[in-house]
Structure formats: structure tokens, C-alpha cells
Full PDB file with SEQRES, HELIX, SHEET, SSBOND, CRYST1, ORIGX, SCALE, CONECT and MASTER records, all heavy atoms in Angstrom:
SEQRES   1 A   35  LEU HIS SER MET ALA LEU GLN GLY GLN ALA PRO ALA TRP          
SEQRES   2 A   35  PHE SER TYR VAL ASN ARG HIS GLY VAL PRO VAL ARG ALA          
SEQRES   3 A   35  LEU GLY ALA THR ALA LEU VAL GLY ALA                          
HELIX    1 AA1 HIS A    2  LEU A    6  1                                   5    
HELIX    2 AA2 ALA A   12  SER A   15  5                                   4    
HELIX    3 AA3 VAL A   24  GLY A   34  1                                  11    
CRYST1    1.000    1.000    1.000  90.00  90.00  90.00 P 1           1          
ORIGX1      1.000000  0.000000  0.000000        0.00000                         
ORIGX2      0.000000  1.000000  0.000000        0.00000                         
ORIGX3      0.000000  0.000000  1.000000        0.00000                         
SCALE1      1.000000  0.000000  0.000000        0.00000                         
SCALE2      0.000000  1.000000  0.000000        0.00000                         
SCALE3      0.000000  0.000000  1.000000        0.00000                         
ATOM      1  N   LEU A   1      -4.963   3.412   1.034  1.00  0.00           N  
ATOM      2  CA  LEU A   1      -4.792   2.313   0.083  1.00  0.00           C  
ATOM      3  C   LEU A   1      -4.405   1.028   0.797  1.00  0.00           C  
ATOM      4  O   LEU A   1      -4.899  -0.054   0.481  1.00  0.00           O  
ATOM      5  CB  LEU A   1      -3.727   2.682  -0.951  1.00  0.00           C  
ATOM      6  CG  LEU A   1      -3.397   1.636  -2.014  1.00  0.00           C  
ATOM      7  CD1 LEU A   1      -4.663   1.267  -2.808  1.00  0.00           C  
ATOM      8  CD2 LEU A   1      -2.326   2.168  -2.962  1.00  0.00           C  
ATOM      9  N   HIS A   2      -3.523   1.128   1.792  1.00  0.00           N  
ATOM     10  CA  HIS A   2      -3.110  -0.034   2.584  1.00  0.00           C  
ATOM     11  C   HIS A   2      -4.304  -0.633   3.333  1.00  0.00           C  
ATOM     12  O   HIS A   2      -4.486  -1.854   3.376  1.00  0.00           O  
ATOM     13  CB  HIS A   2      -2.007   0.386   3.564  1.00  0.00           C  
ATOM     14  CG  HIS A   2      -1.611  -0.680   4.520  1.00  0.00           C  
ATOM     15  ND1 HIS A   2      -1.972  -0.656   5.847  1.00  0.00           N  
ATOM     16  CD2 HIS A   2      -0.895  -1.818   4.342  1.00  0.00           C  
ATOM     17  CE1 HIS A   2      -1.481  -1.735   6.441  1.00  0.00           C  
ATOM     18  NE2 HIS A   2      -0.844  -2.440   5.553  1.00  0.00           N  
ATOM     19  N   SER A   3      -5.107   0.242   3.936  1.00  0.00           N  
ATOM     20  CA  SER A   3      -6.285  -0.234   4.678  1.00  0.00           C  
ATOM     21  C   SER A   3      -7.293  -0.909   3.743  1.00  0.00           C  
ATOM     22  O   SER A   3      -7.872  -1.919   4.108  1.00  0.00           O  
ATOM     23  CB  SER A   3      -6.931   0.953   5.405  1.00  0.00           C  
ATOM     24  OG  SER A   3      -8.107   0.554   6.076  1.00  0.00           O  
ATOM     25  N   MET A   4      -7.478  -0.343   2.561  1.00  0.00           N  
ATOM     26  CA  MET A   4      -8.398  -0.952   1.601  1.00  0.00           C  
ATOM     27  C   MET A   4      -7.896  -2.318   1.186  1.00  0.00           C  
ATOM     28  O   MET A   4      -8.698  -3.251   0.969  1.00  0.00           O  
ATOM     29  CB  MET A   4      -8.563  -0.025   0.386  1.00  0.00           C  
ATOM     30  CG  MET A   4      -9.288   1.268   0.681  1.00  0.00           C  
ATOM     31  SD  MET A   4      -9.344   2.398  -0.747  1.00  0.00           S  
ATOM     32  CE  MET A   4     -10.323   1.450  -1.879  1.00  0.00           C  
ATOM     33  N   ALA A   5      -6.582  -2.460   1.031  1.00  0.00           N  
ATOM     34  CA  ALA A   5      -6.011  -3.757   0.681  1.00  0.00           C  
ATOM     35  C   ALA A   5      -6.272  -4.789   1.770  1.00  0.00           C  
ATOM     36  O   ALA A   5      -6.588  -5.944   1.485  1.00  0.00           O  
ATOM     37  CB  ALA A   5      -4.514  -3.614   0.402  1.00  0.00           C  
ATOM     38  N   LEU A   6      -6.151  -4.369   3.023  1.00  0.00           N  
ATOM     39  CA  LEU A   6      -6.412  -5.281   4.141  1.00  0.00           C  
ATOM     40  C   LEU A   6      -7.860  -5.713   4.207  1.00  0.00           C  
ATOM     41  O   LEU A   6      -8.168  -6.828   4.652  1.00  0.00           O  
ATOM     42  CB  LEU A   6      -6.004  -4.603   5.459  1.00  0.00           C  
ATOM     43  CG  LEU A   6      -4.519  -4.336   5.682  1.00  0.00           C  
ATOM     44  CD1 LEU A   6      -4.314  -3.586   6.991  1.00  0.00           C  
ATOM     45  CD2 LEU A   6      -3.715  -5.645   5.688  1.00  0.00           C  
ATOM     46  N   GLN A   7      -8.770  -4.840   3.748  1.00  0.00           N  
ATOM     47  CA  GLN A   7     -10.201  -5.156   3.790  1.00  0.00           C  
ATOM     48  C   GLN A   7     -10.700  -5.803   2.506  1.00  0.00           C  
ATOM     49  O   GLN A   7     -11.893  -6.036   2.356  1.00  0.00           O  
ATOM     50  CB  GLN A   7     -11.005  -3.865   4.056  1.00  0.00           C  
ATOM     51  CG  GLN A   7     -10.662  -3.215   5.372  1.00  0.00           C  
ATOM     52  CD  GLN A   7     -11.414  -1.895   5.552  1.00  0.00           C  
ATOM     53  OE1 GLN A   7     -12.617  -1.823   5.335  1.00  0.00           O  
ATOM     54  NE2 GLN A   7     -10.712  -0.857   5.972  1.00  0.00           N  
ATOM     55  N   GLY A   8      -9.786  -6.085   1.559  1.00  0.00           N  
ATOM     56  CA  GLY A   8     -10.173  -6.710   0.310  1.00  0.00           C  
ATOM     57  C   GLY A   8     -10.792  -5.769  -0.680  1.00  0.00           C  
ATOM     58  O   GLY A   8     -11.399  -6.217  -1.665  1.00  0.00           O  
ATOM     59  N   GLN A   9     -10.665  -4.469  -0.445  1.00  0.00           N  
ATOM     60  CA  GLN A   9     -11.228  -3.479  -1.372  1.00  0.00           C  
ATOM     61  C   GLN A   9     -10.192  -2.949  -2.361  1.00  0.00           C  
ATOM     62  O   GLN A   9     -10.517  -2.097  -3.186  1.00  0.00           O  
ATOM     63  CB  GLN A   9     -11.834  -2.305  -0.578  1.00  0.00           C  
ATOM     64  CG  GLN A   9     -12.960  -2.753   0.330  1.00  0.00           C  
ATOM     65  CD  GLN A   9     -13.496  -1.609   1.200  1.00  0.00           C  
ATOM     66  OE1 GLN A   9     -12.910  -0.532   1.252  1.00  0.00           O  
ATOM     67  NE2 GLN A   9     -14.613  -1.833   1.854  1.00  0.00           N  
ATOM     68  N   ALA A  10      -8.966  -3.438  -2.273  1.00  0.00           N  
ATOM     69  CA  ALA A  10      -7.882  -3.087  -3.191  1.00  0.00           C  
ATOM     70  C   ALA A  10      -6.995  -4.325  -3.299  1.00  0.00           C  
ATOM     71  O   ALA A  10      -7.066  -5.227  -2.470  1.00  0.00           O  
ATOM     72  CB  ALA A  10      -7.107  -1.873  -2.679  1.00  0.00           C  
ATOM     73  N   PRO A  11      -6.149  -4.402  -4.326  1.00  0.00           N  
ATOM     74  CA  PRO A  11      -5.270  -5.562  -4.488  1.00  0.00           C  
ATOM     75  C   PRO A  11      -4.481  -5.838  -3.215  1.00  0.00           C  
ATOM     76  O   PRO A  11      -3.925  -4.934  -2.581  1.00  0.00           O  
ATOM     77  CB  PRO A  11      -4.349  -5.162  -5.630  1.00  0.00           C  
ATOM     78  CG  PRO A  11      -5.195  -4.212  -6.456  1.00  0.00           C  
ATOM     79  CD  PRO A  11      -6.008  -3.456  -5.465  1.00  0.00           C  
ATOM     80  N   ALA A  12      -4.444  -7.125  -2.807  1.00  0.00           N  
ATOM     81  CA  ALA A  12      -3.742  -7.509  -1.566  1.00  0.00           C  
ATOM     82  C   ALA A  12      -2.248  -7.179  -1.611  1.00  0.00           C  
ATOM     83  O   ALA A  12      -1.619  -7.098  -0.554  1.00  0.00           O  
ATOM     84  CB  ALA A  12      -3.929  -9.021  -1.323  1.00  0.00           C  
ATOM     85  N   TRP A  13      -1.735  -6.965  -2.799  1.00  0.00           N  
ATOM     86  CA  TRP A  13      -0.310  -6.626  -2.967  1.00  0.00           C  
ATOM     87  C   TRP A  13       0.063  -5.384  -2.194  1.00  0.00           C  
ATOM     88  O   TRP A  13       1.168  -5.224  -1.700  1.00  0.00           O  
ATOM     89  CB  TRP A  13      -0.030  -6.454  -4.452  1.00  0.00           C  
ATOM     90  CG  TRP A  13       1.459  -6.321  -4.802  1.00  0.00           C  
ATOM     91  CD1 TRP A  13       2.375  -7.315  -4.854  1.00  0.00           C  
ATOM     92  CD2 TRP A  13       2.124  -5.116  -5.109  1.00  0.00           C  
ATOM     93  NE1 TRP A  13       3.598  -6.797  -5.201  1.00  0.00           N  
ATOM     94  CE2 TRP A  13       3.463  -5.456  -5.369  1.00  0.00           C  
ATOM     95  CE3 TRP A  13       1.724  -3.786  -5.213  1.00  0.00           C  
ATOM     96  CZ2 TRP A  13       4.424  -4.506  -5.718  1.00  0.00           C  
ATOM     97  CZ3 TRP A  13       2.674  -2.831  -5.565  1.00  0.00           C  
ATOM     98  CH2 TRP A  13       4.011  -3.188  -5.802  1.00  0.00           C  
ATOM     99  N   PHE A  14      -0.910  -4.469  -2.048  1.00  0.00           N  
ATOM    100  CA  PHE A  14      -0.650  -3.210  -1.356  1.00  0.00           C  
ATOM    101  C   PHE A  14      -0.696  -3.350   0.170  1.00  0.00           C  
ATOM    102  O   PHE A  14      -0.453  -2.375   0.873  1.00  0.00           O  
ATOM    103  CB  PHE A  14      -1.657  -2.138  -1.783  1.00  0.00           C  
ATOM    104  CG  PHE A  14      -1.496  -1.702  -3.203  1.00  0.00           C  
ATOM    105  CD1 PHE A  14      -2.511  -1.921  -4.122  1.00  0.00           C  
ATOM    106  CD2 PHE A  14      -0.348  -1.079  -3.636  1.00  0.00           C  
ATOM    107  CE1 PHE A  14      -2.368  -1.520  -5.457  1.00  0.00           C  
ATOM    108  CE2 PHE A  14      -0.184  -0.660  -4.966  1.00  0.00           C  
ATOM    109  CZ  PHE A  14      -1.210  -0.886  -5.846  1.00  0.00           C  
ATOM    110  N   SER A  15      -1.025  -4.510   0.688  1.00  0.00           N  
ATOM    111  CA  SER A  15      -1.101  -4.691   2.137  1.00  0.00           C  
ATOM    112  C   SER A  15       0.273  -4.914   2.763  1.00  0.00           C  
ATOM    113  O   SER A  15       0.401  -4.924   3.981  1.00  0.00           O  
ATOM    114  CB  SER A  15      -2.028  -5.859   2.477  1.00  0.00           C  
ATOM    115  OG  SER A  15      -1.488  -7.092   1.941  1.00  0.00           O  
ATOM    116  N   TYR A  16       1.301  -5.121   1.947  1.00  0.00           N  
ATOM    117  CA  TYR A  16       2.644  -5.398   2.470  1.00  0.00           C  
ATOM    118  C   TYR A  16       3.215  -4.207   3.208  1.00  0.00           C  
ATOM    119  O   TYR A  16       3.067  -3.049   2.787  1.00  0.00           O  
ATOM    120  CB  TYR A  16       3.562  -5.770   1.305  1.00  0.00           C  
ATOM    121  CG  TYR A  16       5.026  -5.843   1.691  1.00  0.00           C  
ATOM    122  CD1 TYR A  16       5.538  -6.973   2.322  1.00  0.00           C  
ATOM    123  CD2 TYR A  16       5.885  -4.771   1.425  1.00  0.00           C  
ATOM    124  CE1 TYR A  16       6.868  -7.046   2.693  1.00  0.00           C  
ATOM    125  CE2 TYR A  16       7.239  -4.861   1.776  1.00  0.00           C  
ATOM    126  CZ  TYR A  16       7.708  -5.981   2.403  1.00  0.00           C  
ATOM    127  OH  TYR A  16       9.027  -6.038   2.764  1.00  0.00           O  
ATOM    128  N   VAL A  17       3.876  -4.483   4.324  1.00  0.00           N  
ATOM    129  CA  VAL A  17       4.621  -3.447   5.079  1.00  0.00           C  
ATOM    130  C   VAL A  17       6.024  -3.970   5.337  1.00  0.00           C  
ATOM    131  O   VAL A  17       6.248  -5.170   5.456  1.00  0.00           O  
ATOM    132  CB  VAL A  17       3.927  -3.104   6.421  1.00  0.00           C  
ATOM    133  CG1 VAL A  17       2.565  -2.498   6.200  1.00  0.00           C  
ATOM    134  CG2 VAL A  17       3.808  -4.347   7.306  1.00  0.00           C  
ATOM    135  N   ASN A  18       6.987  -3.054   5.420  1.00  0.00           N  
ATOM    136  CA  ASN A  18       8.360  -3.473   5.684  1.00  0.00           C  
ATOM    137  C   ASN A  18       8.551  -3.680   7.181  1.00  0.00           C  
ATOM    138  O   ASN A  18       7.615  -3.571   7.968  1.00  0.00           O  
ATOM    139  CB  ASN A  18       9.353  -2.460   5.111  1.00  0.00           C  
ATOM    140  CG  ASN A  18       9.213  -1.090   5.775  1.00  0.00           C  
ATOM    141  OD1 ASN A  18       8.562  -0.931   6.785  1.00  0.00           O  
ATOM    142  ND2 ASN A  18       9.859  -0.094   5.181  1.00  0.00           N  
ATOM    143  N   ARG A  19       9.787  -3.946   7.590  1.00  0.00           N  
ATOM    144  CA  ARG A  19      10.018  -4.249   8.993  1.00  0.00           C  
ATOM    145  C   ARG A  19       9.794  -3.059   9.926  1.00  0.00           C  
ATOM    146  O   ARG A  19       9.728  -3.222  11.144  1.00  0.00           O  
ATOM    147  CB  ARG A  19      11.451  -4.796   9.170  1.00  0.00           C  
ATOM    148  CG  ARG A  19      12.561  -3.848   8.783  1.00  0.00           C  
ATOM    149  CD  ARG A  19      13.900  -4.531   8.756  1.00  0.00           C  
ATOM    150  NE  ARG A  19      14.988  -3.663   8.381  1.00  0.00           N  
ATOM    151  CZ  ARG A  19      15.690  -2.925   9.247  1.00  0.00           C  
ATOM    152  NH1 ARG A  19      15.414  -3.005  10.531  1.00  0.00           N  
ATOM    153  NH2 ARG A  19      16.670  -2.138   8.830  1.00  0.00           N  
ATOM    154  N   HIS A  20       9.707  -1.869   9.336  1.00  0.00           N  
ATOM    155  CA  HIS A  20       9.411  -0.677  10.144  1.00  0.00           C  
ATOM    156  C   HIS A  20       7.906  -0.369  10.175  1.00  0.00           C  
ATOM    157  O   HIS A  20       7.506   0.653  10.739  1.00  0.00           O  
ATOM    158  CB  HIS A  20      10.162   0.522   9.575  1.00  0.00           C  
ATOM    159  CG  HIS A  20      11.658   0.374   9.599  1.00  0.00           C  
ATOM    160  ND1 HIS A  20      12.394   0.331  10.766  1.00  0.00           N  
ATOM    161  CD2 HIS A  20      12.554   0.207   8.566  1.00  0.00           C  
ATOM    162  CE1 HIS A  20      13.671   0.195  10.486  1.00  0.00           C  
ATOM    163  NE2 HIS A  20      13.803   0.107   9.159  1.00  0.00           N  
ATOM    164  N   GLY A  21       7.128  -1.211   9.522  1.00  0.00           N  
ATOM    165  CA  GLY A  21       5.677  -1.009   9.509  1.00  0.00           C  
ATOM    166  C   GLY A  21       5.204  -0.022   8.462  1.00  0.00           C  
ATOM    167  O   GLY A  21       4.051   0.437   8.515  1.00  0.00           O  
ATOM    168  N   VAL A  22       6.059   0.316   7.502  1.00  0.00           N  
ATOM    169  CA  VAL A  22       5.687   1.280   6.458  1.00  0.00           C  
ATOM    170  C   VAL A  22       5.147   0.519   5.246  1.00  0.00           C  
ATOM    171  O   VAL A  22       5.828  -0.374   4.721  1.00  0.00           O  
ATOM    172  CB  VAL A  22       6.913   2.126   6.039  1.00  0.00           C  
ATOM    173  CG1 VAL A  22       6.509   3.099   4.923  1.00  0.00           C  
ATOM    174  CG2 VAL A  22       7.471   2.878   7.232  1.00  0.00           C  
ATOM    175  N   PRO A  23       3.959   0.854   4.780  1.00  0.00           N  
ATOM    176  CA  PRO A  23       3.419   0.195   3.566  1.00  0.00           C  
ATOM    177  C   PRO A  23       4.090   0.748   2.320  1.00  0.00           C  
ATOM    178  O   PRO A  23       3.538   1.575   1.598  1.00  0.00           O  
ATOM    179  CB  PRO A  23       1.921   0.546   3.616  1.00  0.00           C  
ATOM    180  CG  PRO A  23       1.888   1.835   4.378  1.00  0.00           C  
ATOM    181  CD  PRO A  23       3.006   1.783   5.364  1.00  0.00           C  
ATOM    182  N   VAL A  24       5.292   0.256   2.040  1.00  0.00           N  
ATOM    183  CA  VAL A  24       6.122   0.836   0.992  1.00  0.00           C  
ATOM    184  C   VAL A  24       5.519   0.667  -0.398  1.00  0.00           C  
ATOM    185  O   VAL A  24       5.687   1.532  -1.265  1.00  0.00           O  
ATOM    186  CB  VAL A  24       7.533   0.208   1.029  1.00  0.00           C  
ATOM    187  CG1 VAL A  24       8.308   0.688   2.264  1.00  0.00           C  
ATOM    188  CG2 VAL A  24       7.455  -1.324   1.017  1.00  0.00           C  
ATOM    189  N   ARG A  25       4.823  -0.430  -0.640  1.00  0.00           N  
ATOM    190  CA  ARG A  25       4.197  -0.608  -1.967  1.00  0.00           C  
ATOM    191  C   ARG A  25       3.083   0.407  -2.191  1.00  0.00           C  
ATOM    192  O   ARG A  25       3.001   1.011  -3.268  1.00  0.00           O  
ATOM    193  CB  ARG A  25       3.663  -2.017  -2.098  1.00  0.00           C  
ATOM    194  CG  ARG A  25       4.740  -3.112  -2.109  1.00  0.00           C  
ATOM    195  CD  ARG A  25       4.138  -4.509  -2.140  1.00  0.00           C  
ATOM    196  NE  ARG A  25       5.190  -5.523  -2.156  1.00  0.00           N  
ATOM    197  CZ  ARG A  25       4.973  -6.836  -2.046  1.00  0.00           C  
ATOM    198  NH1 ARG A  25       3.702  -7.264  -1.944  1.00  0.00           N  
ATOM    199  NH2 ARG A  25       5.946  -7.703  -2.081  1.00  0.00           N  
ATOM    200  N   ALA A  26       2.240   0.585  -1.182  1.00  0.00           N  
ATOM    201  CA  ALA A  26       1.185   1.579  -1.280  1.00  0.00           C  
ATOM    202  C   ALA A  26       1.787   2.988  -1.375  1.00  0.00           C  
ATOM    203  O   ALA A  26       1.274   3.848  -2.112  1.00  0.00           O  
ATOM    204  CB  ALA A  26       0.252   1.491  -0.056  1.00  0.00           C  
ATOM    205  N   LEU A  27       2.860   3.220  -0.654  1.00  0.00           N  
ATOM    206  CA  LEU A  27       3.536   4.518  -0.686  1.00  0.00           C  
ATOM    207  C   LEU A  27       4.094   4.783  -2.081  1.00  0.00           C  
ATOM    208  O   LEU A  27       3.941   5.896  -2.631  1.00  0.00           O  
ATOM    209  CB  LEU A  27       4.656   4.557   0.344  1.00  0.00           C  
ATOM    210  CG  LEU A  27       5.530   5.813   0.349  1.00  0.00           C  
ATOM    211  CD1 LEU A  27       4.710   7.054   0.672  1.00  0.00           C  
ATOM    212  CD2 LEU A  27       6.664   5.650   1.375  1.00  0.00           C  
ATOM    213  N   GLY A  28       4.746   3.803  -2.665  1.00  0.00           N  
ATOM    214  CA  GLY A  28       5.293   3.977  -4.009  1.00  0.00           C  
ATOM    215  C   GLY A  28       4.240   4.234  -5.051  1.00  0.00           C  
ATOM    216  O   GLY A  28       4.389   5.113  -5.906  1.00  0.00           O  
ATOM    217  N   ALA A  29       3.135   3.473  -4.996  1.00  0.00           N  
ATOM    218  CA  ALA A  29       2.049   3.659  -5.951  1.00  0.00           C  
ATOM    219  C   ALA A  29       1.422   5.031  -5.822  1.00  0.00           C  
ATOM    220  O   ALA A  29       1.141   5.712  -6.811  1.00  0.00           O  
ATOM    221  CB  ALA A  29       0.992   2.568  -5.758  1.00  0.00           C  
ATOM    222  N   THR A  30       1.200   5.458  -4.571  1.00  0.00           N  
ATOM    223  CA  THR A  30       0.616   6.776  -4.326  1.00  0.00           C  
ATOM    224  C   THR A  30       1.536   7.892  -4.801  1.00  0.00           C  
ATOM    225  O   THR A  30       1.086   8.870  -5.424  1.00  0.00           O  
ATOM    226  CB  THR A  30       0.331   6.950  -2.824  1.00  0.00           C  
ATOM    227  OG1 THR A  30      -0.512   5.893  -2.371  1.00  0.00           O  
ATOM    228  CG2 THR A  30      -0.382   8.277  -2.572  1.00  0.00           C  
ATOM    229  N   ALA A  31       2.843   7.744  -4.538  1.00  0.00           N  
ATOM    230  CA  ALA A  31       3.794   8.766  -4.969  1.00  0.00           C  
ATOM    231  C   ALA A  31       3.842   8.857  -6.509  1.00  0.00           C  
ATOM    232  O   ALA A  31       3.943   9.943  -7.077  1.00  0.00           O  
ATOM    233  CB  ALA A  31       5.179   8.456  -4.407  1.00  0.00           C  
ATOM    234  N   LEU A  32       3.760   7.692  -7.183  1.00  0.00           N  
ATOM    235  CA  LEU A  32       3.784   7.689  -8.655  1.00  0.00           C  
ATOM    236  C   LEU A  32       2.547   8.386  -9.221  1.00  0.00           C  
ATOM    237  O   LEU A  32       2.646   9.161 -10.189  1.00  0.00           O  
ATOM    238  CB  LEU A  32       3.850   6.261  -9.155  1.00  0.00           C  
ATOM    239  CG  LEU A  32       5.212   5.563  -9.045  1.00  0.00           C  
ATOM    240  CD1 LEU A  32       5.109   4.103  -9.489  1.00  0.00           C  
ATOM    241  CD2 LEU A  32       6.284   6.295  -9.838  1.00  0.00           C  
ATOM    242  N   VAL A  33       1.392   8.122  -8.619  1.00  0.00           N  
ATOM    243  CA  VAL A  33       0.179   8.790  -9.093  1.00  0.00           C  
ATOM    244  C   VAL A  33       0.282  10.299  -8.862  1.00  0.00           C  
ATOM    245  O   VAL A  33      -0.090  11.102  -9.742  1.00  0.00           O  
ATOM    246  CB  VAL A  33      -1.055   8.209  -8.356  1.00  0.00           C  
ATOM    247  CG1 VAL A  33      -2.302   9.036  -8.689  1.00  0.00           C  
ATOM    248  CG2 VAL A  33      -1.267   6.750  -8.755  1.00  0.00           C  
ATOM    249  N   GLY A  34       0.794  10.691  -7.707  1.00  0.00           N  
ATOM    250  CA  GLY A  34       0.959  12.134  -7.412  1.00  0.00           C  
ATOM    251  C   GLY A  34       1.921  12.770  -8.391  1.00  0.00           C  
ATOM    252  O   GLY A  34       1.671  13.901  -8.887  1.00  0.00           O  
ATOM    253  N   ALA A  35       3.037  12.099  -8.684  1.00  0.00           N  
ATOM    254  CA  ALA A  35       4.012  12.638  -9.613  1.00  0.00           C  
ATOM    255  C   ALA A  35       3.436  12.762 -11.017  1.00  0.00           C  
ATOM    256  O   ALA A  35       3.654  13.747 -11.732  1.00  0.00           O  
ATOM    257  CB  ALA A  35       5.270  11.753  -9.622  1.00  0.00           C  
TER     258      ALA A  35                                                      
MASTER        0    0    0    3    0    0    0    6  257    1    0    3          
END                                                                             
């Protein structure tokens, strides 16, 4: 999801990463869908 956001194939909002390089927004969205 993060890679798709970087390539313009998903909302750019998901391209954000924290200072550790973790795409937390994409992680949260994916975890919510899984749950």
C-alpha cells in the first residue's frame, strides 16, 4: 500500500513514514482491514 501511494496508485496520504521509516498510516489501515 505504501509503494502504491508513492507511485500514485493509492492516496498519497499512505506514503507517510515515521522517523523510523515505518509507514504507520498504511500499517494502521491494513491492520483495520484485517481486523
